[in-house]
Amino acid sequence: MIRPYNESDIEGIVELLDNLSISEEAGRFEDCLFDADTYREVYFVKKSYSIYVAVKGNKIIGFVLGDHYCNDVFAILMLYVHPAYRREYFALRLKEAITNYAKENGYKEIISQVRTNNPESIRMNKRAGWEIAPDKVYPGYYVECRKELK
């Protein structure tokens, strides 16, 4: 199930991020992984980001976080699904939920920066109809995926 975030979800999300920081994947994201308190304060308490969570049973297994970028552009800042639940389309459904939120709130475009060392996410974006912005490809760092909202 995909649903909007509520304050009681914070511990489940922080647990996901803690697991990521000690997983085999951690090296791919080392320069953007923070401690639990930083996530709590910066992303879930002080700023009013738009957040959706993926829940299976009673467990949060993924989330997406986005915010206003500029003018009529909305940006996905973080998207993560626990590895045990990948290939079950949770990432795609999270992306659809936040895309619908952006569309309903008048945004004309949504963007997402995907690390170049994350080919699975790049493929998922392409399959979902997102375009790779040719002027926003930074080898060894990230590519920018974008989608017009109609």
N, C-alpha and C. Protein backbone atom coordinates (compact mmCIF):
# COMPACT_ATOMS: atom_id res chain seq x y z
N MET A 1 0.84 -1.17 0.00
CA MET A 1 0.00 0.00 0.00
C MET A 1 0.89 1.25 0.00
N ILE A 2 0.50 2.24 -0.76
CA ILE A 2 1.18 3.52 -0.80
C ILE A 2 0.23 4.53 -0.18
N ARG A 3 0.75 5.35 0.73
CA ARG A 3 -0.09 6.35 1.39
C ARG A 3 0.76 7.55 1.80
N PRO A 4 0.09 8.69 2.08
CA PRO A 4 0.85 9.85 2.55
C PRO A 4 1.50 9.56 3.92
N TYR A 5 2.62 10.16 4.13
CA TYR A 5 3.38 10.06 5.38
C TYR A 5 2.61 10.71 6.52
N ASN A 6 2.73 10.12 7.70
CA ASN A 6 2.28 10.80 8.91
C ASN A 6 3.39 10.70 9.95
N GLU A 7 3.32 11.51 10.97
CA GLU A 7 4.43 11.63 11.93
C GLU A 7 4.82 10.31 12.57
N SER A 8 3.91 9.40 12.72
CA SER A 8 4.24 8.11 13.34
C SER A 8 5.10 7.23 12.43
N ASP A 9 5.27 7.62 11.18
CA ASP A 9 6.07 6.85 10.22
C ASP A 9 7.57 7.10 10.35
N ILE A 10 7.95 8.12 11.09
CA ILE A 10 9.35 8.54 11.10
C ILE A 10 10.30 7.43 11.54
N GLU A 11 9.94 6.66 12.55
CA GLU A 11 10.85 5.61 13.02
C GLU A 11 11.05 4.53 11.97
N GLY A 12 9.99 4.18 11.25
CA GLY A 12 10.12 3.18 10.19
C GLY A 12 11.02 3.66 9.06
N ILE A 13 10.92 4.93 8.72
CA ILE A 13 11.77 5.48 7.66
C ILE A 13 13.22 5.56 8.13
N VAL A 14 13.43 6.02 9.35
CA VAL A 14 14.79 6.10 9.88
C VAL A 14 15.41 4.72 9.96
N GLU A 15 14.62 3.72 10.32
CA GLU A 15 15.13 2.34 10.35
C GLU A 15 15.56 1.89 8.95
N LEU A 16 14.77 2.22 7.93
CA LEU A 16 15.15 1.91 6.55
C LEU A 16 16.48 2.55 6.20
N LEU A 17 16.63 3.83 6.53
CA LEU A 17 17.85 4.55 6.20
C LEU A 17 19.05 4.04 7.00
N ASP A 18 18.81 3.65 8.26
CA ASP A 18 19.89 3.05 9.05
C ASP A 18 20.34 1.74 8.41
N ASN A 19 19.38 0.93 7.95
CA ASN A 19 19.72 -0.32 7.28
C ASN A 19 20.50 -0.07 6.00
N LEU A 20 20.11 0.96 5.25
CA LEU A 20 20.83 1.31 4.03
C LEU A 20 22.28 1.67 4.37
N SER A 21 22.49 2.42 5.43
CA SER A 21 23.84 2.89 5.76
C SER A 21 24.81 1.77 6.12
N ILE A 22 24.29 0.59 6.48
CA ILE A 22 25.18 -0.54 6.80
C ILE A 22 25.07 -1.66 5.78
N SER A 23 24.34 -1.41 4.71
CA SER A 23 24.15 -2.45 3.69
C SER A 23 25.27 -2.42 2.66
N GLU A 24 25.24 -3.41 1.75
CA GLU A 24 26.20 -3.45 0.65
C GLU A 24 26.05 -2.24 -0.28
N GLU A 25 24.86 -1.66 -0.30
CA GLU A 25 24.60 -0.52 -1.17
C GLU A 25 25.17 0.79 -0.64
N ALA A 26 25.55 0.83 0.61
CA ALA A 26 25.96 2.07 1.26
C ALA A 26 27.06 2.79 0.49
N GLY A 27 28.00 2.06 -0.06
CA GLY A 27 29.10 2.68 -0.80
C GLY A 27 28.64 3.49 -1.99
N ARG A 28 27.52 3.09 -2.59
CA ARG A 28 26.99 3.82 -3.75
C ARG A 28 26.44 5.18 -3.35
N PHE A 29 26.11 5.34 -2.07
CA PHE A 29 25.45 6.57 -1.61
C PHE A 29 26.19 7.24 -0.46
N GLU A 30 27.47 6.91 -0.29
CA GLU A 30 28.19 7.35 0.90
C GLU A 30 28.20 8.86 1.11
N ASP A 31 28.21 9.64 0.06
CA ASP A 31 28.26 11.09 0.25
C ASP A 31 26.89 11.72 0.49
N CYS A 32 25.84 10.90 0.52
CA CYS A 32 24.52 11.46 0.82
C CYS A 32 23.79 10.68 1.92
N LEU A 33 24.53 9.86 2.66
CA LEU A 33 23.95 9.17 3.81
C LEU A 33 24.29 9.95 5.07
N PHE A 34 23.30 10.14 5.92
CA PHE A 34 23.48 10.89 7.15
C PHE A 34 23.08 10.03 8.34
N ASP A 35 23.34 10.53 9.53
CA ASP A 35 22.92 9.80 10.72
C ASP A 35 21.41 10.01 10.93
N ALA A 36 20.82 9.15 11.77
CA ALA A 36 19.37 9.15 11.98
C ALA A 36 18.85 10.50 12.47
N ASP A 37 19.59 11.16 13.37
CA ASP A 37 19.14 12.45 13.89
C ASP A 37 19.08 13.51 12.80
N THR A 38 20.05 13.49 11.89
CA THR A 38 20.03 14.45 10.78
C THR A 38 18.81 14.22 9.90
N TYR A 39 18.54 12.96 9.55
CA TYR A 39 17.34 12.68 8.75
C TYR A 39 16.10 13.17 9.46
N ARG A 40 16.00 12.82 10.73
CA ARG A 40 14.82 13.20 11.51
C ARG A 40 14.61 14.71 11.47
N GLU A 41 15.64 15.46 11.82
CA GLU A 41 15.51 16.91 11.94
C GLU A 41 15.38 17.61 10.59
N VAL A 42 16.25 17.28 9.66
CA VAL A 42 16.28 18.01 8.39
C VAL A 42 15.13 17.63 7.48
N TYR A 43 14.86 16.35 7.35
CA TYR A 43 13.88 15.92 6.36
C TYR A 43 12.47 15.69 6.88
N PHE A 44 12.32 15.35 8.15
CA PHE A 44 11.00 14.96 8.62
C PHE A 44 10.41 15.85 9.70
N VAL A 45 11.19 16.78 10.24
CA VAL A 45 10.66 17.63 11.29
C VAL A 45 10.66 19.10 10.87
N LYS A 46 11.81 19.62 10.48
CA LYS A 46 11.93 21.06 10.21
C LYS A 46 11.31 21.50 8.89
N LYS A 47 11.34 20.68 7.90
CA LYS A 47 10.89 21.07 6.57
C LYS A 47 9.61 20.31 6.23
N SER A 48 8.73 20.96 5.55
CA SER A 48 7.47 20.30 5.22
C SER A 48 7.52 19.71 3.81
N TYR A 49 8.33 18.68 3.65
CA TYR A 49 8.41 18.00 2.37
C TYR A 49 7.13 17.20 2.13
N SER A 50 6.89 16.89 0.87
CA SER A 50 5.80 15.98 0.53
C SER A 50 6.38 14.58 0.56
N ILE A 51 5.77 13.71 1.34
CA ILE A 51 6.32 12.37 1.57
C ILE A 51 5.20 11.33 1.44
N TYR A 52 5.53 10.24 0.76
CA TYR A 52 4.65 9.08 0.68
C TYR A 52 5.44 7.88 1.15
N VAL A 53 4.74 6.93 1.77
CA VAL A 53 5.40 5.72 2.25
C VAL A 53 4.77 4.49 1.60
N ALA A 54 5.60 3.46 1.45
CA ALA A 54 5.13 2.15 1.00
C ALA A 54 5.07 1.27 2.24
N VAL A 55 3.94 0.63 2.43
CA VAL A 55 3.73 -0.19 3.62
C VAL A 55 3.34 -1.59 3.19
N LYS A 56 3.97 -2.58 3.79
CA LYS A 56 3.59 -3.97 3.55
C LYS A 56 3.40 -4.60 4.92
N GLY A 57 2.21 -5.14 5.16
CA GLY A 57 1.87 -5.56 6.51
C GLY A 57 1.77 -4.30 7.35
N ASN A 58 2.50 -4.25 8.43
CA ASN A 58 2.55 -3.03 9.24
C ASN A 58 3.91 -2.37 9.17
N LYS A 59 4.70 -2.74 8.17
CA LYS A 59 6.08 -2.28 8.09
C LYS A 59 6.28 -1.31 6.94
N ILE A 60 6.96 -0.21 7.22
CA ILE A 60 7.33 0.72 6.16
C ILE A 60 8.51 0.13 5.42
N ILE A 61 8.34 -0.07 4.13
CA ILE A 61 9.39 -0.71 3.33
C ILE A 61 9.97 0.22 2.27
N GLY A 62 9.44 1.45 2.20
CA GLY A 62 9.97 2.41 1.24
C GLY A 62 9.33 3.77 1.43
N PHE A 63 9.92 4.76 0.80
CA PHE A 63 9.38 6.11 0.87
C PHE A 63 9.89 6.94 -0.30
N VAL A 64 9.18 8.02 -0.56
CA VAL A 64 9.62 9.02 -1.52
C VAL A 64 9.38 10.38 -0.88
N LEU A 65 10.31 11.29 -1.14
CA LEU A 65 10.27 12.62 -0.54
C LEU A 65 10.50 13.64 -1.64
N GLY A 66 9.64 14.65 -1.74
CA GLY A 66 9.79 15.66 -2.77
C GLY A 66 9.47 17.04 -2.26
N ASP A 67 9.77 18.04 -3.10
CA ASP A 67 9.55 19.42 -2.70
C ASP A 67 9.49 20.32 -3.94
N HIS A 68 8.98 21.50 -3.74
CA HIS A 68 8.99 22.53 -4.78
C HIS A 68 10.44 22.79 -5.17
N TYR A 69 10.69 22.84 -6.48
CA TYR A 69 12.05 23.10 -6.96
C TYR A 69 12.18 24.55 -7.42
N CYS A 70 11.43 24.91 -8.44
CA CYS A 70 11.39 26.30 -8.89
C CYS A 70 10.19 26.47 -9.82
N ASN A 71 9.65 27.66 -9.84
CA ASN A 71 8.50 27.98 -10.68
C ASN A 71 7.47 26.87 -10.62
N ASP A 72 7.23 26.19 -11.73
CA ASP A 72 6.22 25.12 -11.75
C ASP A 72 6.87 23.74 -11.86
N VAL A 73 8.04 23.60 -11.24
CA VAL A 73 8.77 22.33 -11.26
C VAL A 73 8.85 21.76 -9.85
N PHE A 74 8.51 20.50 -9.73
CA PHE A 74 8.58 19.75 -8.46
C PHE A 74 9.74 18.76 -8.56
N ALA A 75 10.43 18.52 -7.46
CA ALA A 75 11.60 17.63 -7.49
C ALA A 75 11.46 16.50 -6.49
N ILE A 76 11.80 15.31 -6.94
CA ILE A 76 11.93 14.17 -6.02
C ILE A 76 13.34 14.24 -5.45
N LEU A 77 13.43 14.29 -4.14
CA LEU A 77 14.73 14.41 -3.48
C LEU A 77 15.28 13.07 -3.02
N MET A 78 14.41 12.17 -2.60
CA MET A 78 14.82 10.84 -2.15
C MET A 78 13.74 9.84 -2.49
N LEU A 79 14.17 8.67 -2.90
CA LEU A 79 13.27 7.54 -3.12
C LEU A 79 14.06 6.31 -2.74
N TYR A 80 13.49 5.51 -1.85
CA TYR A 80 14.19 4.31 -1.41
C TYR A 80 13.18 3.22 -1.08
N VAL A 81 13.49 2.02 -1.54
CA VAL A 81 12.71 0.82 -1.21
C VAL A 81 13.69 -0.23 -0.70
N HIS A 82 13.35 -0.86 0.40
CA HIS A 82 14.19 -1.91 0.97
C HIS A 82 14.45 -2.98 -0.09
N PRO A 83 15.69 -3.45 -0.20
CA PRO A 83 16.03 -4.43 -1.25
C PRO A 83 15.16 -5.68 -1.27
N ALA A 84 14.67 -6.12 -0.12
CA ALA A 84 13.85 -7.33 -0.07
C ALA A 84 12.50 -7.15 -0.77
N TYR A 85 12.12 -5.89 -1.03
CA TYR A 85 10.80 -5.63 -1.61
C TYR A 85 10.89 -5.02 -3.01
N ARG A 86 12.07 -5.03 -3.57
CA ARG A 86 12.22 -4.52 -4.93
C ARG A 86 11.65 -5.53 -5.92
N ARG A 87 11.40 -5.07 -7.09
CA ARG A 87 10.77 -5.88 -8.15
C ARG A 87 9.31 -6.19 -7.84
N GLU A 88 8.77 -5.50 -6.83
CA GLU A 88 7.34 -5.60 -6.53
C GLU A 88 6.63 -4.29 -6.89
N TYR A 89 7.32 -3.43 -7.62
CA TYR A 89 6.79 -2.17 -8.15
C TYR A 89 6.50 -1.11 -7.10
N PHE A 90 7.06 -1.24 -5.90
CA PHE A 90 6.84 -0.21 -4.89
C PHE A 90 7.47 1.12 -5.30
N ALA A 91 8.68 1.10 -5.86
CA ALA A 91 9.33 2.35 -6.27
C ALA A 91 8.49 3.05 -7.33
N LEU A 92 8.01 2.29 -8.29
CA LEU A 92 7.18 2.87 -9.34
C LEU A 92 5.90 3.46 -8.76
N ARG A 93 5.27 2.76 -7.85
CA ARG A 93 4.02 3.25 -7.25
C ARG A 93 4.27 4.48 -6.36
N LEU A 94 5.41 4.50 -5.67
CA LEU A 94 5.76 5.70 -4.90
C LEU A 94 5.96 6.89 -5.84
N LYS A 95 6.65 6.65 -6.94
CA LYS A 95 6.91 7.71 -7.92
C LYS A 95 5.59 8.20 -8.52
N GLU A 96 4.67 7.30 -8.80
CA GLU A 96 3.36 7.69 -9.32
C GLU A 96 2.58 8.52 -8.30
N ALA A 97 2.65 8.14 -7.03
CA ALA A 97 1.92 8.88 -5.99
C ALA A 97 2.42 10.31 -5.89
N ILE A 98 3.72 10.49 -5.86
CA ILE A 98 4.25 11.86 -5.72
C ILE A 98 4.08 12.64 -7.02
N THR A 99 4.08 11.96 -8.16
CA THR A 99 3.80 12.62 -9.44
C THR A 99 2.36 13.13 -9.45
N ASN A 100 1.43 12.31 -8.98
CA ASN A 100 0.03 12.74 -8.90
C ASN A 100 -0.12 13.92 -7.95
N TYR A 101 0.61 13.89 -6.83
CA TYR A 101 0.58 15.02 -5.90
C TYR A 101 1.04 16.30 -6.61
N ALA A 102 2.14 16.21 -7.34
CA ALA A 102 2.67 17.38 -8.05
C ALA A 102 1.66 17.89 -9.07
N LYS A 103 1.08 16.99 -9.82
CA LYS A 103 0.10 17.37 -10.84
C LYS A 103 -1.11 18.04 -10.19
N GLU A 104 -1.62 17.46 -9.11
CA GLU A 104 -2.78 18.02 -8.41
C GLU A 104 -2.49 19.39 -7.81
N ASN A 105 -1.24 19.69 -7.57
CA ASN A 105 -0.86 20.97 -6.97
C ASN A 105 -0.33 21.97 -8.00
N GLY A 106 -0.61 21.71 -9.28
CA GLY A 106 -0.35 22.68 -10.32
C GLY A 106 1.03 22.68 -10.94
N TYR A 107 1.86 21.72 -10.59
CA TYR A 107 3.19 21.66 -11.20
C TYR A 107 3.08 21.17 -12.64
N LYS A 108 3.95 21.66 -13.50
CA LYS A 108 3.95 21.29 -14.91
C LYS A 108 5.04 20.27 -15.25
N GLU A 109 6.00 20.12 -14.35
CA GLU A 109 7.10 19.20 -14.60
C GLU A 109 7.59 18.64 -13.27
N ILE A 110 8.09 17.42 -13.31
CA ILE A 110 8.69 16.81 -12.13
C ILE A 110 10.06 16.29 -12.54
N ILE A 111 11.03 16.47 -11.66
CA ILE A 111 12.39 16.03 -11.96
C ILE A 111 12.91 15.16 -10.82
N SER A 112 13.93 14.39 -11.15
CA SER A 112 14.57 13.53 -10.17
C SER A 112 16.02 13.33 -10.60
N GLN A 113 16.94 13.55 -9.69
CA GLN A 113 18.34 13.29 -9.99
C GLN A 113 18.65 11.86 -9.55
N VAL A 114 19.16 11.08 -10.47
CA VAL A 114 19.47 9.68 -10.19
C VAL A 114 20.98 9.49 -10.34
N ARG A 115 21.56 8.89 -9.37
CA ARG A 115 23.01 8.67 -9.40
C ARG A 115 23.36 7.75 -10.57
N THR A 116 24.46 8.04 -11.22
CA THR A 116 24.86 7.24 -12.38
C THR A 116 25.22 5.82 -11.98
N ASN A 117 25.54 5.59 -10.70
CA ASN A 117 25.86 4.23 -10.25
C ASN A 117 24.60 3.47 -9.81
N ASN A 118 23.44 3.95 -10.23
CA ASN A 118 22.18 3.31 -9.91
C ASN A 118 21.41 3.01 -11.20
N PRO A 119 21.95 2.09 -12.03
CA PRO A 119 21.31 1.83 -13.33
C PRO A 119 19.90 1.27 -13.21
N GLU A 120 19.59 0.57 -12.12
CA GLU A 120 18.24 0.03 -11.94
C GLU A 120 17.22 1.18 -11.88
N SER A 121 17.56 2.22 -11.16
CA SER A 121 16.65 3.37 -11.05
C SER A 121 16.54 4.11 -12.37
N ILE A 122 17.61 4.23 -13.09
CA ILE A 122 17.56 4.89 -14.40
C ILE A 122 16.64 4.11 -15.34
N ARG A 123 16.78 2.77 -15.34
CA ARG A 123 15.90 1.93 -16.17
C ARG A 123 14.44 2.08 -15.76
N MET A 124 14.18 2.10 -14.45
CA MET A 124 12.81 2.24 -13.95
C MET A 124 12.21 3.57 -14.41
N ASN A 125 13.00 4.64 -14.38
CA ASN A 125 12.51 5.94 -14.83
C ASN A 125 12.15 5.89 -16.30
N LYS A 126 13.00 5.29 -17.11
CA LYS A 126 12.73 5.20 -18.55
C LYS A 126 11.47 4.39 -18.81
N ARG A 127 11.32 3.25 -18.11
CA ARG A 127 10.12 2.42 -18.29
C ARG A 127 8.86 3.16 -17.88
N ALA A 128 8.99 4.07 -16.92
CA ALA A 128 7.83 4.83 -16.43
C ALA A 128 7.52 6.04 -17.29
N GLY A 129 8.27 6.23 -18.39
CA GLY A 129 8.00 7.32 -19.30
C GLY A 129 8.74 8.61 -19.00
N TRP A 130 9.70 8.55 -18.11
CA TRP A 130 10.51 9.72 -17.81
C TRP A 130 11.62 9.82 -18.85
N GLU A 131 12.06 11.03 -19.11
CA GLU A 131 13.14 11.26 -20.07
C GLU A 131 14.42 11.60 -19.32
N ILE A 132 15.53 11.22 -19.90
CA ILE A 132 16.83 11.65 -19.38
C ILE A 132 17.12 13.00 -20.03
N ALA A 133 17.32 14.02 -19.23
CA ALA A 133 17.59 15.36 -19.76
C ALA A 133 19.02 15.37 -20.31
N PRO A 134 19.19 15.48 -21.63
CA PRO A 134 20.53 15.37 -22.22
C PRO A 134 21.50 16.45 -21.74
N ASP A 135 20.96 17.60 -21.34
CA ASP A 135 21.82 18.68 -20.86
C ASP A 135 22.11 18.56 -19.36
N LYS A 136 21.58 17.52 -18.71
CA LYS A 136 21.77 17.35 -17.27
C LYS A 136 22.33 15.97 -16.94
N VAL A 137 23.31 15.54 -17.71
CA VAL A 137 23.98 14.28 -17.45
C VAL A 137 25.38 14.62 -16.96
N TYR A 138 25.68 14.23 -15.74
CA TYR A 138 26.98 14.51 -15.14
C TYR A 138 27.66 13.18 -14.88
N PRO A 139 28.51 12.72 -15.81
CA PRO A 139 29.14 11.40 -15.69
C PRO A 139 29.83 11.22 -14.33
N GLY A 140 29.62 10.05 -13.77
CA GLY A 140 30.21 9.73 -12.47
C GLY A 140 29.46 10.35 -11.31
N TYR A 141 28.38 11.08 -11.58
CA TYR A 141 27.64 11.71 -10.50
C TYR A 141 26.15 11.41 -10.61
N TYR A 142 25.44 12.10 -11.52
CA TYR A 142 24.02 11.82 -11.66
C TYR A 142 23.52 12.19 -13.05
N VAL A 143 22.33 11.69 -13.33
CA VAL A 143 21.57 12.11 -14.51
C VAL A 143 20.27 12.70 -13.99
N GLU A 144 19.73 13.63 -14.72
CA GLU A 144 18.46 14.18 -14.32
C GLU A 144 17.37 13.57 -15.17
N CYS A 145 16.39 12.99 -14.52
CA CYS A 145 15.23 12.43 -15.19
C CYS A 145 14.10 13.44 -15.03
N ARG A 146 13.30 13.59 -16.06
CA ARG A 146 12.21 14.55 -15.97
C ARG A 146 10.98 14.04 -16.70
N LYS A 147 9.85 14.57 -16.28
CA LYS A 147 8.61 14.19 -16.91
C LYS A 147 7.67 15.40 -16.90
N GLU A 148 7.10 15.68 -18.07
CA GLU A 148 6.09 16.72 -18.16
C GLU A 148 4.81 16.21 -17.56
N LEU A 149 4.12 17.08 -16.83
CA LEU A 149 2.85 16.70 -16.22
C LEU A 149 1.73 17.33 -17.02
N LYS A 150 0.86 16.49 -17.53
CA LYS A 150 -0.25 16.98 -18.37
C LYS A 150 -1.55 16.73 -17.68
